[in-house]
Structures are given as C-alpha cells and as structure tokens.
C-alpha cells in the first residue's frame, strides 16, 4: 500500500554508521516509507542496501530506475532521484539529466518531496561535507513538514546540518539519539512480524 508518511534521510561523510543505528531501531512494521540519499559510489551503495536490509529486518530496495513506494519498506537511492505522484501513488524515479555536484543529490530529493501533497514528511539531514540538502530542507519546512538536522556534537562532519541550521531550514536540531527517537515517534507500527530483511533492486 502507498505510504501516508515519508521519512527522508540525507547523509554524506559519517552517514553510513548513523543510518545503520537508525534502521536498527525501526519497528518491524511501519506505516511510513523510508528513503535514504547517502553520498556514496554505486558499487558501495549496492552492498550498503543489503546491509541495511539485514540490520533493519525490513525490505531494502536499491532504486535504479522507477520505483513505487510501499509503506514499511526502505529505499536507498543509487543516484539522484525525484519523488512524484502517479495514479494516486508516490514513486521515485532516477533523474536522467543530473544537476548538482553530489549524487545522490539530497537537495533534489527534498525539493521534489516538497511538491508532494497529502503526505506527512519527516526530513533528516545528517553528518556530511558541504551544503547539500539545506536548500531542499528549507522548502520542506516552508511547506509545513517536519525537518530535523543533526547537532554539531554528534556529527562527524558538521557541514550539511550546519548549513541547514544557518538557513533556518531545520525545525529541530538534536543529537543522533534524539533523531532516532523522533523517527520512532513518526512511524506507526502496523505489525510485530518481521517483513523479512530482504534486499531488492527496482
């Protein structure tokens, strides 16, 4: 079923370990779909998607083309992708005409999410070099969605979340432990039974 909630995570340097901590705390069934944009090369992302599936116990999909979102699943971008609605469903699609320096480009994901209507979105910006994600997060906040940036003390590199904080894009600035708690509060479990911890490619 199409999710009524989306959790979007953008990360760069220091992100993989933080993301693993987040997904290990997710409930086995949840109403939300989780989309991860981690700056990383494609080969490494393939193994990362498998690891996320094992750690979380949830279906983990590496998005390589067009992919409809289902609640209770995790989606890891292989490259810059945009969210859009089609036939009442929310889909991810890899962007063929790339823009931006980093890929997956977090700004592009967040900006496209800000145009989705009727879906509650929580956007999180984790440790990383540069400013990717700050502008898109600001658009999400302006659209009325919850935006969370990691604090300086718990960030390995306080670049991207700092840019979001300075821009006023983050409605919440907190350490990774609180981010995990915020995500747990924003996803409502639908089952205590594990979905299986598989990895697939869209």
N, C-alpha and C. Protein backbone atom coordinates (compact mmCIF):
# COMPACT_ATOMS: atom_id res chain seq x y z
N UNK A 1 0.83 -1.20 0.00
CA UNK A 1 0.00 0.00 0.00
C UNK A 1 0.86 1.25 0.00
N UNK A 2 0.38 2.29 -0.65
CA UNK A 2 1.13 3.55 -0.69
C UNK A 2 1.21 4.16 0.70
N UNK A 3 2.37 4.70 1.06
CA UNK A 3 2.54 5.27 2.40
C UNK A 3 1.85 6.62 2.54
N UNK A 4 1.30 6.88 3.73
CA UNK A 4 0.78 8.20 4.04
C UNK A 4 1.84 9.04 4.73
N UNK A 5 2.96 8.40 5.08
CA UNK A 5 4.08 9.10 5.71
C UNK A 5 5.36 8.74 4.98
N UNK A 6 6.23 9.73 4.86
CA UNK A 6 7.56 9.51 4.29
C UNK A 6 8.60 10.01 5.28
N UNK A 7 9.67 9.24 5.43
CA UNK A 7 10.84 9.68 6.19
C UNK A 7 11.99 9.74 5.19
N UNK A 8 12.57 10.92 5.03
CA UNK A 8 13.67 11.12 4.09
C UNK A 8 14.95 11.41 4.87
N UNK A 9 16.02 10.69 4.52
CA UNK A 9 17.29 10.89 5.20
C UNK A 9 18.36 11.23 4.18
N UNK A 10 19.06 12.35 4.42
CA UNK A 10 20.20 12.73 3.58
C UNK A 10 21.47 12.69 4.41
N UNK A 11 22.53 12.11 3.85
CA UNK A 11 23.77 11.97 4.61
C UNK A 11 24.97 11.91 3.67
N UNK A 12 26.13 12.24 4.20
CA UNK A 12 27.37 12.15 3.45
C UNK A 12 28.43 11.54 4.35
N UNK A 13 29.56 12.20 4.54
CA UNK A 13 30.64 11.67 5.36
C UNK A 13 30.16 11.38 6.78
N UNK A 14 30.38 10.15 7.23
CA UNK A 14 29.92 9.74 8.55
C UNK A 14 28.52 9.20 8.56
N UNK A 15 27.84 9.24 7.42
CA UNK A 15 26.44 8.85 7.37
C UNK A 15 26.14 7.37 7.52
N UNK A 16 26.90 6.47 6.89
CA UNK A 16 26.51 5.06 6.93
C UNK A 16 26.33 4.49 8.34
N UNK A 17 27.25 4.76 9.24
CA UNK A 17 27.11 4.26 10.60
C UNK A 17 25.91 4.83 11.31
N UNK A 18 25.63 6.11 11.07
CA UNK A 18 24.45 6.76 11.67
C UNK A 18 23.17 6.14 11.13
N UNK A 19 23.14 5.90 9.83
CA UNK A 19 21.96 5.30 9.21
C UNK A 19 21.73 3.89 9.74
N UNK A 20 22.80 3.14 9.91
CA UNK A 20 22.67 1.79 10.47
C UNK A 20 22.07 1.84 11.88
N UNK A 21 22.46 2.82 12.67
CA UNK A 21 21.89 2.98 14.00
C UNK A 21 20.40 3.30 13.92
N UNK A 22 20.03 4.12 12.94
CA UNK A 22 18.62 4.49 12.77
C UNK A 22 17.78 3.28 12.36
N UNK A 23 18.22 2.57 11.33
CA UNK A 23 17.39 1.47 10.81
C UNK A 23 17.32 0.30 11.78
N UNK A 24 18.34 0.14 12.62
CA UNK A 24 18.30 -0.95 13.60
C UNK A 24 17.24 -0.70 14.67
N UNK A 25 16.77 0.54 14.76
CA UNK A 25 15.77 0.90 15.77
C UNK A 25 14.36 0.99 15.20
N UNK A 26 14.20 0.77 13.91
CA UNK A 26 12.87 0.87 13.30
C UNK A 26 11.99 -0.30 13.71
N UNK A 27 10.68 -0.06 13.84
CA UNK A 27 9.77 -1.16 14.14
C UNK A 27 9.67 -2.10 12.95
N UNK A 28 9.30 -3.36 13.21
CA UNK A 28 9.25 -4.36 12.14
C UNK A 28 8.16 -4.09 11.13
N UNK A 29 7.15 -3.34 11.51
CA UNK A 29 6.13 -2.90 10.57
C UNK A 29 5.88 -1.44 10.82
N UNK A 30 5.77 -0.65 9.76
CA UNK A 30 5.54 0.79 9.96
C UNK A 30 4.73 1.34 8.80
N UNK A 31 3.99 2.38 9.07
CA UNK A 31 3.16 3.00 8.05
C UNK A 31 4.00 3.79 7.05
N UNK A 32 5.16 4.24 7.47
CA UNK A 32 5.97 5.12 6.62
C UNK A 32 6.85 4.32 5.66
N UNK A 33 7.24 5.00 4.58
CA UNK A 33 8.32 4.52 3.72
C UNK A 33 9.55 5.37 4.04
N UNK A 34 10.71 4.75 4.06
CA UNK A 34 11.96 5.43 4.40
C UNK A 34 12.83 5.51 3.16
N UNK A 35 13.22 6.74 2.78
CA UNK A 35 14.06 6.96 1.58
C UNK A 35 15.39 7.53 2.04
N UNK A 36 16.49 6.92 1.59
CA UNK A 36 17.84 7.30 2.02
C UNK A 36 18.65 7.78 0.83
N UNK A 37 19.18 9.01 0.93
CA UNK A 37 20.11 9.55 -0.06
C UNK A 37 21.46 9.69 0.63
N UNK A 38 22.34 8.72 0.41
CA UNK A 38 23.67 8.71 1.01
C UNK A 38 24.71 8.94 -0.08
N UNK A 39 25.54 9.97 0.06
CA UNK A 39 26.62 10.20 -0.90
C UNK A 39 27.58 9.01 -0.87
N UNK A 40 27.59 8.24 -1.95
CA UNK A 40 28.41 7.04 -1.99
C UNK A 40 28.43 6.53 -3.44
N UNK A 41 29.48 5.85 -3.84
CA UNK A 41 29.52 5.32 -5.20
C UNK A 41 28.57 4.14 -5.34
N UNK A 42 28.17 3.86 -6.58
CA UNK A 42 27.13 2.87 -6.85
C UNK A 42 27.47 1.48 -6.31
N UNK A 43 28.69 1.03 -6.49
CA UNK A 43 29.06 -0.31 -6.04
C UNK A 43 28.92 -0.41 -4.52
N UNK A 44 29.38 0.60 -3.83
CA UNK A 44 29.27 0.60 -2.37
C UNK A 44 27.82 0.68 -1.93
N UNK A 45 26.99 1.39 -2.68
CA UNK A 45 25.57 1.50 -2.33
C UNK A 45 24.86 0.16 -2.45
N UNK A 46 25.28 -0.67 -3.39
CA UNK A 46 24.66 -1.99 -3.53
C UNK A 46 24.87 -2.83 -2.28
N UNK A 47 26.08 -2.85 -1.77
CA UNK A 47 26.35 -3.62 -0.55
C UNK A 47 25.72 -2.95 0.66
N UNK A 48 25.64 -1.62 0.64
CA UNK A 48 25.02 -0.88 1.74
C UNK A 48 23.54 -1.22 1.83
N UNK A 49 22.85 -1.32 0.70
CA UNK A 49 21.43 -1.67 0.69
C UNK A 49 21.21 -3.05 1.30
N UNK A 50 22.08 -3.99 0.98
CA UNK A 50 21.96 -5.33 1.55
C UNK A 50 22.17 -5.29 3.06
N UNK A 51 23.15 -4.52 3.49
CA UNK A 51 23.45 -4.42 4.92
C UNK A 51 22.29 -3.78 5.68
N UNK A 52 21.70 -2.75 5.09
CA UNK A 52 20.56 -2.08 5.72
C UNK A 52 19.39 -3.05 5.88
N UNK A 53 19.16 -3.88 4.87
CA UNK A 53 18.10 -4.89 4.96
C UNK A 53 18.35 -5.88 6.08
N UNK A 54 19.59 -6.33 6.20
CA UNK A 54 19.92 -7.29 7.26
C UNK A 54 19.76 -6.67 8.64
N UNK A 55 20.25 -5.45 8.79
CA UNK A 55 20.23 -4.79 10.10
C UNK A 55 18.81 -4.44 10.53
N UNK A 56 18.01 -3.96 9.58
CA UNK A 56 16.67 -3.47 9.92
C UNK A 56 15.62 -4.57 10.01
N UNK A 57 15.83 -5.67 9.28
CA UNK A 57 14.78 -6.69 9.19
C UNK A 57 13.65 -6.28 8.29
N UNK A 58 13.84 -5.19 7.52
CA UNK A 58 12.82 -4.69 6.59
C UNK A 58 13.29 -4.87 5.16
N UNK A 59 12.35 -4.85 4.22
CA UNK A 59 12.73 -4.90 2.82
C UNK A 59 13.51 -3.64 2.46
N UNK A 60 14.67 -3.82 1.85
CA UNK A 60 15.54 -2.71 1.47
C UNK A 60 15.74 -2.74 -0.03
N UNK A 61 15.30 -1.69 -0.72
CA UNK A 61 15.34 -1.65 -2.18
C UNK A 61 16.38 -0.65 -2.66
N UNK A 62 17.26 -1.08 -3.55
CA UNK A 62 18.18 -0.17 -4.22
C UNK A 62 17.46 0.38 -5.45
N UNK A 63 17.21 1.67 -5.46
CA UNK A 63 16.43 2.30 -6.54
C UNK A 63 17.36 2.65 -7.70
N UNK A 64 17.14 2.02 -8.84
CA UNK A 64 17.98 2.25 -10.01
C UNK A 64 17.20 2.82 -11.20
N UNK A 65 15.88 2.84 -11.11
CA UNK A 65 15.07 3.36 -12.22
C UNK A 65 13.81 3.99 -11.64
N UNK A 66 12.63 3.49 -12.00
CA UNK A 66 11.36 3.98 -11.47
C UNK A 66 10.86 2.99 -10.44
N UNK A 67 10.42 3.50 -9.29
CA UNK A 67 10.08 2.60 -8.20
C UNK A 67 8.92 3.15 -7.37
N UNK A 68 7.77 2.48 -7.35
CA UNK A 68 6.67 2.91 -6.49
C UNK A 68 6.99 2.61 -5.03
N UNK A 69 6.58 3.50 -4.13
CA UNK A 69 6.88 3.33 -2.72
C UNK A 69 5.77 2.56 -2.01
N UNK A 70 6.18 1.69 -1.11
CA UNK A 70 5.27 0.93 -0.27
C UNK A 70 5.60 1.22 1.19
N UNK A 71 4.57 1.29 2.01
CA UNK A 71 4.81 1.54 3.43
C UNK A 71 5.53 0.34 4.05
N UNK A 72 6.33 0.62 5.06
CA UNK A 72 7.05 -0.43 5.76
C UNK A 72 8.32 -0.87 5.07
N UNK A 73 8.77 -0.12 4.04
CA UNK A 73 9.97 -0.51 3.30
C UNK A 73 10.99 0.63 3.26
N UNK A 74 12.24 0.25 2.98
CA UNK A 74 13.35 1.20 2.91
C UNK A 74 13.83 1.28 1.47
N UNK A 75 14.09 2.49 1.01
CA UNK A 75 14.55 2.73 -0.36
C UNK A 75 15.87 3.51 -0.32
N UNK A 76 16.90 2.94 -0.96
CA UNK A 76 18.21 3.58 -0.99
C UNK A 76 18.49 3.98 -2.43
N UNK A 77 18.80 5.26 -2.63
CA UNK A 77 18.99 5.78 -3.97
C UNK A 77 20.36 5.40 -4.52
N UNK A 78 20.37 4.87 -5.74
CA UNK A 78 21.64 4.55 -6.40
C UNK A 78 22.23 5.78 -7.08
N UNK A 79 21.39 6.79 -7.28
CA UNK A 79 21.78 8.05 -7.92
C UNK A 79 20.72 9.08 -7.57
N UNK A 80 20.89 10.29 -8.06
CA UNK A 80 19.90 11.34 -7.79
C UNK A 80 18.53 10.91 -8.31
N UNK A 81 17.52 11.06 -7.47
CA UNK A 81 16.16 10.64 -7.82
C UNK A 81 15.15 11.68 -7.34
N UNK A 82 14.01 11.71 -8.00
CA UNK A 82 12.93 12.64 -7.67
C UNK A 82 11.69 11.87 -7.25
N UNK A 83 10.95 12.44 -6.32
CA UNK A 83 9.66 11.90 -5.91
C UNK A 83 8.55 12.57 -6.71
N UNK A 84 7.56 11.81 -7.10
CA UNK A 84 6.39 12.38 -7.76
C UNK A 84 5.21 11.45 -7.55
N UNK A 85 4.01 11.93 -7.84
CA UNK A 85 2.82 11.10 -7.72
C UNK A 85 2.35 10.67 -9.10
N UNK A 86 1.83 9.44 -9.16
CA UNK A 86 1.31 8.92 -10.42
C UNK A 86 0.18 7.94 -10.09
N UNK A 87 -1.00 8.24 -10.58
CA UNK A 87 -2.15 7.37 -10.32
C UNK A 87 -2.46 7.20 -8.85
N UNK A 88 -2.24 8.27 -8.09
CA UNK A 88 -2.53 8.21 -6.66
C UNK A 88 -1.44 7.57 -5.83
N UNK A 89 -0.35 7.14 -6.48
CA UNK A 89 0.76 6.53 -5.78
C UNK A 89 1.99 7.44 -5.81
N UNK A 90 2.88 7.25 -4.86
CA UNK A 90 4.13 8.01 -4.82
C UNK A 90 5.23 7.15 -5.41
N UNK A 91 5.99 7.72 -6.34
CA UNK A 91 7.07 7.00 -6.99
C UNK A 91 8.38 7.76 -6.87
N UNK A 92 9.46 6.99 -6.92
CA UNK A 92 10.80 7.53 -7.07
C UNK A 92 11.25 7.25 -8.49
N UNK A 93 11.93 8.19 -9.10
CA UNK A 93 12.47 7.97 -10.44
C UNK A 93 13.86 8.59 -10.51
N UNK A 94 14.81 7.83 -11.03
CA UNK A 94 16.17 8.34 -11.19
C UNK A 94 16.15 9.50 -12.18
N UNK A 95 16.85 10.56 -11.85
CA UNK A 95 16.90 11.76 -12.69
C UNK A 95 17.93 11.57 -13.80
N UNK A 96 17.47 11.60 -15.03
CA UNK A 96 18.38 11.35 -16.16
C UNK A 96 19.27 12.55 -16.45
N UNK A 97 18.70 13.76 -16.33
CA UNK A 97 19.51 14.96 -16.53
C UNK A 97 19.96 15.45 -15.16
N UNK A 98 21.16 15.08 -14.79
CA UNK A 98 21.63 15.33 -13.44
C UNK A 98 22.03 16.78 -13.25
N UNK A 99 21.79 17.26 -12.04
CA UNK A 99 22.27 18.57 -11.65
C UNK A 99 22.85 18.46 -10.25
N UNK A 100 23.77 19.33 -9.92
CA UNK A 100 24.40 19.27 -8.61
C UNK A 100 25.69 18.50 -8.66
N UNK A 101 26.51 18.71 -7.64
CA UNK A 101 27.84 18.10 -7.61
C UNK A 101 27.80 16.69 -7.01
N UNK A 102 26.99 16.51 -5.97
CA UNK A 102 26.94 15.22 -5.28
C UNK A 102 25.80 14.37 -5.81
N UNK A 103 26.02 13.07 -5.80
CA UNK A 103 24.98 12.12 -6.20
C UNK A 103 25.00 10.93 -5.25
N UNK A 104 23.85 10.52 -4.73
CA UNK A 104 22.55 11.15 -4.93
C UNK A 104 22.51 12.57 -4.37
N UNK A 105 21.83 13.46 -5.07
CA UNK A 105 21.74 14.85 -4.64
C UNK A 105 20.56 15.01 -3.68
N UNK A 106 20.86 15.33 -2.43
CA UNK A 106 19.83 15.42 -1.39
C UNK A 106 18.88 16.57 -1.66
N UNK A 107 19.40 17.71 -2.10
CA UNK A 107 18.54 18.86 -2.40
C UNK A 107 17.44 18.49 -3.39
N UNK A 108 17.80 17.78 -4.45
CA UNK A 108 16.82 17.43 -5.47
C UNK A 108 15.73 16.51 -4.90
N UNK A 109 16.12 15.56 -4.05
CA UNK A 109 15.13 14.69 -3.42
C UNK A 109 14.19 15.50 -2.54
N UNK A 110 14.75 16.35 -1.69
CA UNK A 110 13.93 17.15 -0.77
C UNK A 110 13.02 18.12 -1.52
N UNK A 111 13.56 18.76 -2.55
CA UNK A 111 12.76 19.72 -3.33
C UNK A 111 11.58 19.03 -4.00
N UNK A 112 11.79 17.84 -4.54
CA UNK A 112 10.69 17.12 -5.18
C UNK A 112 9.66 16.69 -4.14
N UNK A 113 10.13 16.32 -2.95
CA UNK A 113 9.20 15.91 -1.87
C UNK A 113 8.31 17.05 -1.43
N UNK A 114 8.84 18.27 -1.46
CA UNK A 114 8.07 19.43 -1.03
C UNK A 114 6.85 19.67 -1.92
N UNK A 115 6.83 19.08 -3.11
CA UNK A 115 5.70 19.25 -4.04
C UNK A 115 4.66 18.13 -3.90
N UNK A 116 4.95 17.12 -3.06
CA UNK A 116 4.01 16.03 -2.85
C UNK A 116 2.92 16.50 -1.88
N UNK A 117 1.66 16.27 -2.25
CA UNK A 117 0.54 16.71 -1.42
C UNK A 117 -0.12 15.52 -0.72
N UNK A 118 -0.65 15.79 0.47
CA UNK A 118 -1.40 14.77 1.18
C UNK A 118 -0.57 13.72 1.89
N UNK A 119 0.71 13.97 2.04
CA UNK A 119 1.61 13.02 2.70
C UNK A 119 2.42 13.74 3.76
N UNK A 120 2.45 13.18 4.96
CA UNK A 120 3.25 13.76 6.04
C UNK A 120 4.71 13.36 5.84
N UNK A 121 5.61 14.33 5.85
CA UNK A 121 7.02 14.07 5.58
C UNK A 121 7.88 14.51 6.75
N UNK A 122 8.81 13.65 7.13
CA UNK A 122 9.86 14.00 8.08
C UNK A 122 11.18 13.91 7.34
N UNK A 123 11.92 15.01 7.26
CA UNK A 123 13.20 15.05 6.55
C UNK A 123 14.33 15.22 7.56
N UNK A 124 15.38 14.43 7.39
CA UNK A 124 16.51 14.45 8.32
C UNK A 124 17.80 14.67 7.54
N UNK A 125 18.63 15.56 8.04
CA UNK A 125 19.93 15.84 7.42
C UNK A 125 21.02 15.48 8.42
N UNK A 126 21.85 14.51 8.04
CA UNK A 126 22.89 14.00 8.92
C UNK A 126 24.26 14.54 8.52
N UNK A 127 25.26 14.08 9.23
CA UNK A 127 26.66 14.46 9.04
C UNK A 127 27.09 14.45 7.58
N UNK A 128 27.88 15.44 7.19
CA UNK A 128 28.39 15.47 5.82
C UNK A 128 29.08 16.77 5.47
N UNK A 129 29.95 16.70 4.48
CA UNK A 129 30.68 17.87 3.98
C UNK A 129 29.78 18.66 3.03
N UNK A 130 29.90 19.98 3.07
CA UNK A 130 29.20 20.82 2.10
C UNK A 130 27.85 21.31 2.58
N UNK A 131 26.98 21.65 1.61
CA UNK A 131 25.68 22.25 1.92
C UNK A 131 24.51 21.48 1.30
N UNK A 132 24.77 20.34 0.70
CA UNK A 132 23.70 19.60 0.03
C UNK A 132 22.59 19.27 1.03
N UNK A 133 21.36 19.53 0.65
CA UNK A 133 20.20 19.22 1.46
C UNK A 133 19.60 20.40 2.18
N UNK A 134 20.40 21.45 2.45
CA UNK A 134 19.90 22.59 3.23
C UNK A 134 18.79 23.33 2.49
N UNK A 135 19.00 23.60 1.20
CA UNK A 135 18.02 24.35 0.42
C UNK A 135 16.71 23.55 0.29
N UNK A 136 16.84 22.27 -0.02
CA UNK A 136 15.65 21.43 -0.15
C UNK A 136 14.92 21.28 1.17
N UNK A 137 15.67 21.20 2.26
CA UNK A 137 15.05 21.10 3.58
C UNK A 137 14.27 22.37 3.90
N UNK A 138 14.81 23.50 3.49
CA UNK A 138 14.10 24.77 3.72
C UNK A 138 12.76 24.77 2.98
N UNK A 139 12.71 24.21 1.77
CA UNK A 139 11.46 24.14 1.02
C UNK A 139 10.46 23.22 1.72
N UNK A 140 10.96 22.12 2.29
CA UNK A 140 10.07 21.22 3.02
C UNK A 140 9.51 21.89 4.27
N UNK A 141 10.35 22.62 4.98
CA UNK A 141 9.87 23.32 6.18
C UNK A 141 8.83 24.37 5.81
N UNK A 142 9.08 25.11 4.74
CA UNK A 142 8.13 26.12 4.28
C UNK A 142 6.79 25.49 3.90
N UNK A 143 6.84 24.25 3.39
CA UNK A 143 5.62 23.54 3.01
C UNK A 143 4.91 22.93 4.22
N UNK A 144 5.49 23.09 5.41
CA UNK A 144 4.82 22.63 6.63
C UNK A 144 5.23 21.28 7.14
N UNK A 145 6.33 20.72 6.61
CA UNK A 145 6.77 19.41 7.04
C UNK A 145 7.80 19.50 8.17
N UNK A 146 8.00 18.39 8.87
CA UNK A 146 8.96 18.36 9.97
C UNK A 146 10.37 18.16 9.42
N UNK A 147 11.29 19.00 9.85
CA UNK A 147 12.67 18.95 9.37
C UNK A 147 13.62 18.87 10.55
N UNK A 148 14.57 17.94 10.48
CA UNK A 148 15.48 17.68 11.59
C UNK A 148 16.92 17.67 11.09
N UNK A 149 17.78 18.43 11.75
CA UNK A 149 19.21 18.44 11.43
C UNK A 149 19.99 17.90 12.62
N UNK A 150 21.01 17.12 12.34
CA UNK A 150 21.87 16.60 13.40
C UNK A 150 22.66 17.74 14.04
N UNK A 151 22.91 17.63 15.34
CA UNK A 151 23.67 18.68 16.02
C UNK A 151 25.16 18.54 15.78
N UNK A 152 25.90 19.57 16.15
CA UNK A 152 27.35 19.59 15.89
C UNK A 152 28.08 18.51 16.68
N UNK A 153 27.72 18.33 17.93
CA UNK A 153 28.47 17.43 18.80
C UNK A 153 28.43 15.99 18.31
N UNK A 154 27.29 15.54 17.80
CA UNK A 154 27.18 14.14 17.37
C UNK A 154 27.52 13.94 15.89
N UNK A 155 27.79 15.04 15.15
CA UNK A 155 28.15 14.93 13.73
C UNK A 155 29.64 14.65 13.57
N UNK A 156 29.98 13.76 12.68
CA UNK A 156 31.39 13.53 12.35
C UNK A 156 31.93 14.71 11.56
N UNK A 157 31.13 15.20 10.62
CA UNK A 157 31.46 16.42 9.87
C UNK A 157 30.24 17.33 9.93
N UNK A 158 30.38 18.48 10.57
CA UNK A 158 29.24 19.38 10.75
C UNK A 158 29.19 20.40 9.62
N UNK A 159 28.89 19.88 8.41
CA UNK A 159 28.80 20.73 7.23
C UNK A 159 27.36 20.89 6.78
N UNK A 160 26.76 19.81 6.30
CA UNK A 160 25.39 19.86 5.77
C UNK A 160 24.38 20.25 6.84
N UNK A 161 24.40 19.62 8.03
CA UNK A 161 23.42 20.05 9.03
C UNK A 161 23.65 21.48 9.52
N UNK A 162 24.90 21.92 9.53
CA UNK A 162 25.20 23.31 9.91
C UNK A 162 24.58 24.28 8.91
N UNK A 163 24.71 23.95 7.61
CA UNK A 163 24.13 24.80 6.57
C UNK A 163 22.62 24.91 6.74
N UNK A 164 21.98 23.79 7.07
CA UNK A 164 20.53 23.79 7.28
C UNK A 164 20.15 24.65 8.49
N UNK A 165 20.95 24.53 9.55
CA UNK A 165 20.68 25.30 10.76
C UNK A 165 20.83 26.80 10.50
N UNK A 166 21.89 27.16 9.78
CA UNK A 166 22.15 28.57 9.49
C UNK A 166 21.08 29.17 8.58
N UNK A 167 20.49 28.33 7.72
CA UNK A 167 19.46 28.79 6.80
C UNK A 167 18.09 28.85 7.47
N UNK A 168 18.00 28.31 8.67
CA UNK A 168 16.70 28.24 9.33
C UNK A 168 15.82 27.14 8.76
N UNK A 169 16.45 26.15 8.14
CA UNK A 169 15.69 25.09 7.47
C UNK A 169 15.26 23.98 8.41
N UNK A 170 15.92 23.87 9.56
CA UNK A 170 15.62 22.78 10.49
C UNK A 170 14.68 23.25 11.59
N UNK A 171 13.58 22.53 11.75
CA UNK A 171 12.67 22.86 12.86
C UNK A 171 13.17 22.24 14.16
N UNK A 172 14.01 21.22 14.05
CA UNK A 172 14.60 20.55 15.22
C UNK A 172 16.08 20.33 14.95
N UNK A 173 16.93 20.64 15.92
CA UNK A 173 18.37 20.34 15.84
C UNK A 173 18.70 19.51 17.07
N UNK A 174 19.20 18.30 16.86
CA UNK A 174 19.38 17.40 18.01
C UNK A 174 20.42 16.32 17.70
N UNK A 175 20.90 15.61 18.73
CA UNK A 175 21.87 14.54 18.53
C UNK A 175 21.22 13.31 17.90
N UNK A 176 22.05 12.39 17.45
CA UNK A 176 21.56 11.23 16.72
C UNK A 176 20.59 10.40 17.57
N UNK A 177 20.82 10.31 18.88
CA UNK A 177 19.93 9.54 19.74
C UNK A 177 18.51 10.12 19.72
N UNK A 178 18.41 11.43 19.72
CA UNK A 178 17.09 12.07 19.67
C UNK A 178 16.48 11.95 18.28
N UNK A 179 17.31 11.97 17.25
CA UNK A 179 16.80 11.77 15.90
C UNK A 179 16.15 10.39 15.78
N UNK A 180 16.81 9.38 16.33
CA UNK A 180 16.25 8.03 16.32
C UNK A 180 14.90 8.01 17.03
N UNK A 181 14.81 8.70 18.16
CA UNK A 181 13.54 8.77 18.90
C UNK A 181 12.47 9.50 18.10
N UNK A 182 12.86 10.58 17.42
CA UNK A 182 11.91 11.34 16.60
C UNK A 182 11.36 10.48 15.47
N UNK A 183 12.21 9.69 14.83
CA UNK A 183 11.76 8.82 13.75
C UNK A 183 10.81 7.76 14.28
N UNK A 184 11.15 7.17 15.42
CA UNK A 184 10.29 6.14 16.02
C UNK A 184 8.91 6.68 16.31
N UNK A 185 8.85 7.95 16.72
CA UNK A 185 7.56 8.57 17.03
C UNK A 185 6.76 8.87 15.76
N UNK A 186 7.46 9.06 14.65
CA UNK A 186 6.76 9.48 13.43
C UNK A 186 6.29 8.31 12.58
N UNK A 187 6.70 7.08 12.92
CA UNK A 187 6.24 5.91 12.16
C UNK A 187 5.41 5.02 13.07
N UNK A 188 4.26 4.66 12.61
CA UNK A 188 3.33 3.87 13.43
C UNK A 188 3.43 2.41 13.01
N UNK A 189 3.83 1.53 13.92
CA UNK A 189 3.93 0.11 13.57
C UNK A 189 2.56 -0.45 13.17
N UNK A 190 2.60 -1.31 12.14
CA UNK A 190 1.37 -1.97 11.72
C UNK A 190 1.39 -3.46 12.03
N UNK A 191 2.55 -3.99 12.42
CA UNK A 191 2.67 -5.40 12.71
C UNK A 191 3.90 -5.65 13.54
N UNK A 192 3.87 -6.68 14.35
CA UNK A 192 5.04 -7.08 15.13
C UNK A 192 5.84 -8.17 14.39
N UNK A 193 5.37 -8.56 13.21
CA UNK A 193 6.03 -9.61 12.46
C UNK A 193 7.03 -9.02 11.49
N UNK A 194 8.24 -9.56 11.47
CA UNK A 194 9.28 -9.04 10.59
C UNK A 194 8.90 -9.23 9.13
N UNK A 195 9.21 -8.25 8.31
CA UNK A 195 8.92 -8.31 6.87
C UNK A 195 9.94 -9.20 6.17
N UNK A 196 11.09 -9.42 6.76
CA UNK A 196 11.98 -10.41 6.17
C UNK A 196 13.41 -9.99 5.96
N UNK A 197 13.70 -8.72 5.95
CA UNK A 197 15.08 -8.28 5.81
C UNK A 197 15.69 -8.59 4.47
N UNK A 198 14.92 -8.47 3.41
CA UNK A 198 15.44 -8.77 2.08
C UNK A 198 15.95 -7.50 1.41
N UNK A 199 16.71 -7.71 0.33
CA UNK A 199 17.19 -6.58 -0.47
C UNK A 199 16.79 -6.85 -1.90
N UNK A 200 16.28 -5.83 -2.57
CA UNK A 200 15.90 -5.98 -3.97
C UNK A 200 16.32 -4.76 -4.74
N UNK A 201 16.25 -4.86 -6.06
CA UNK A 201 16.63 -3.76 -6.93
C UNK A 201 15.43 -3.38 -7.78
N UNK A 202 15.07 -2.10 -7.77
CA UNK A 202 13.94 -1.59 -8.55
C UNK A 202 14.43 -1.22 -9.94
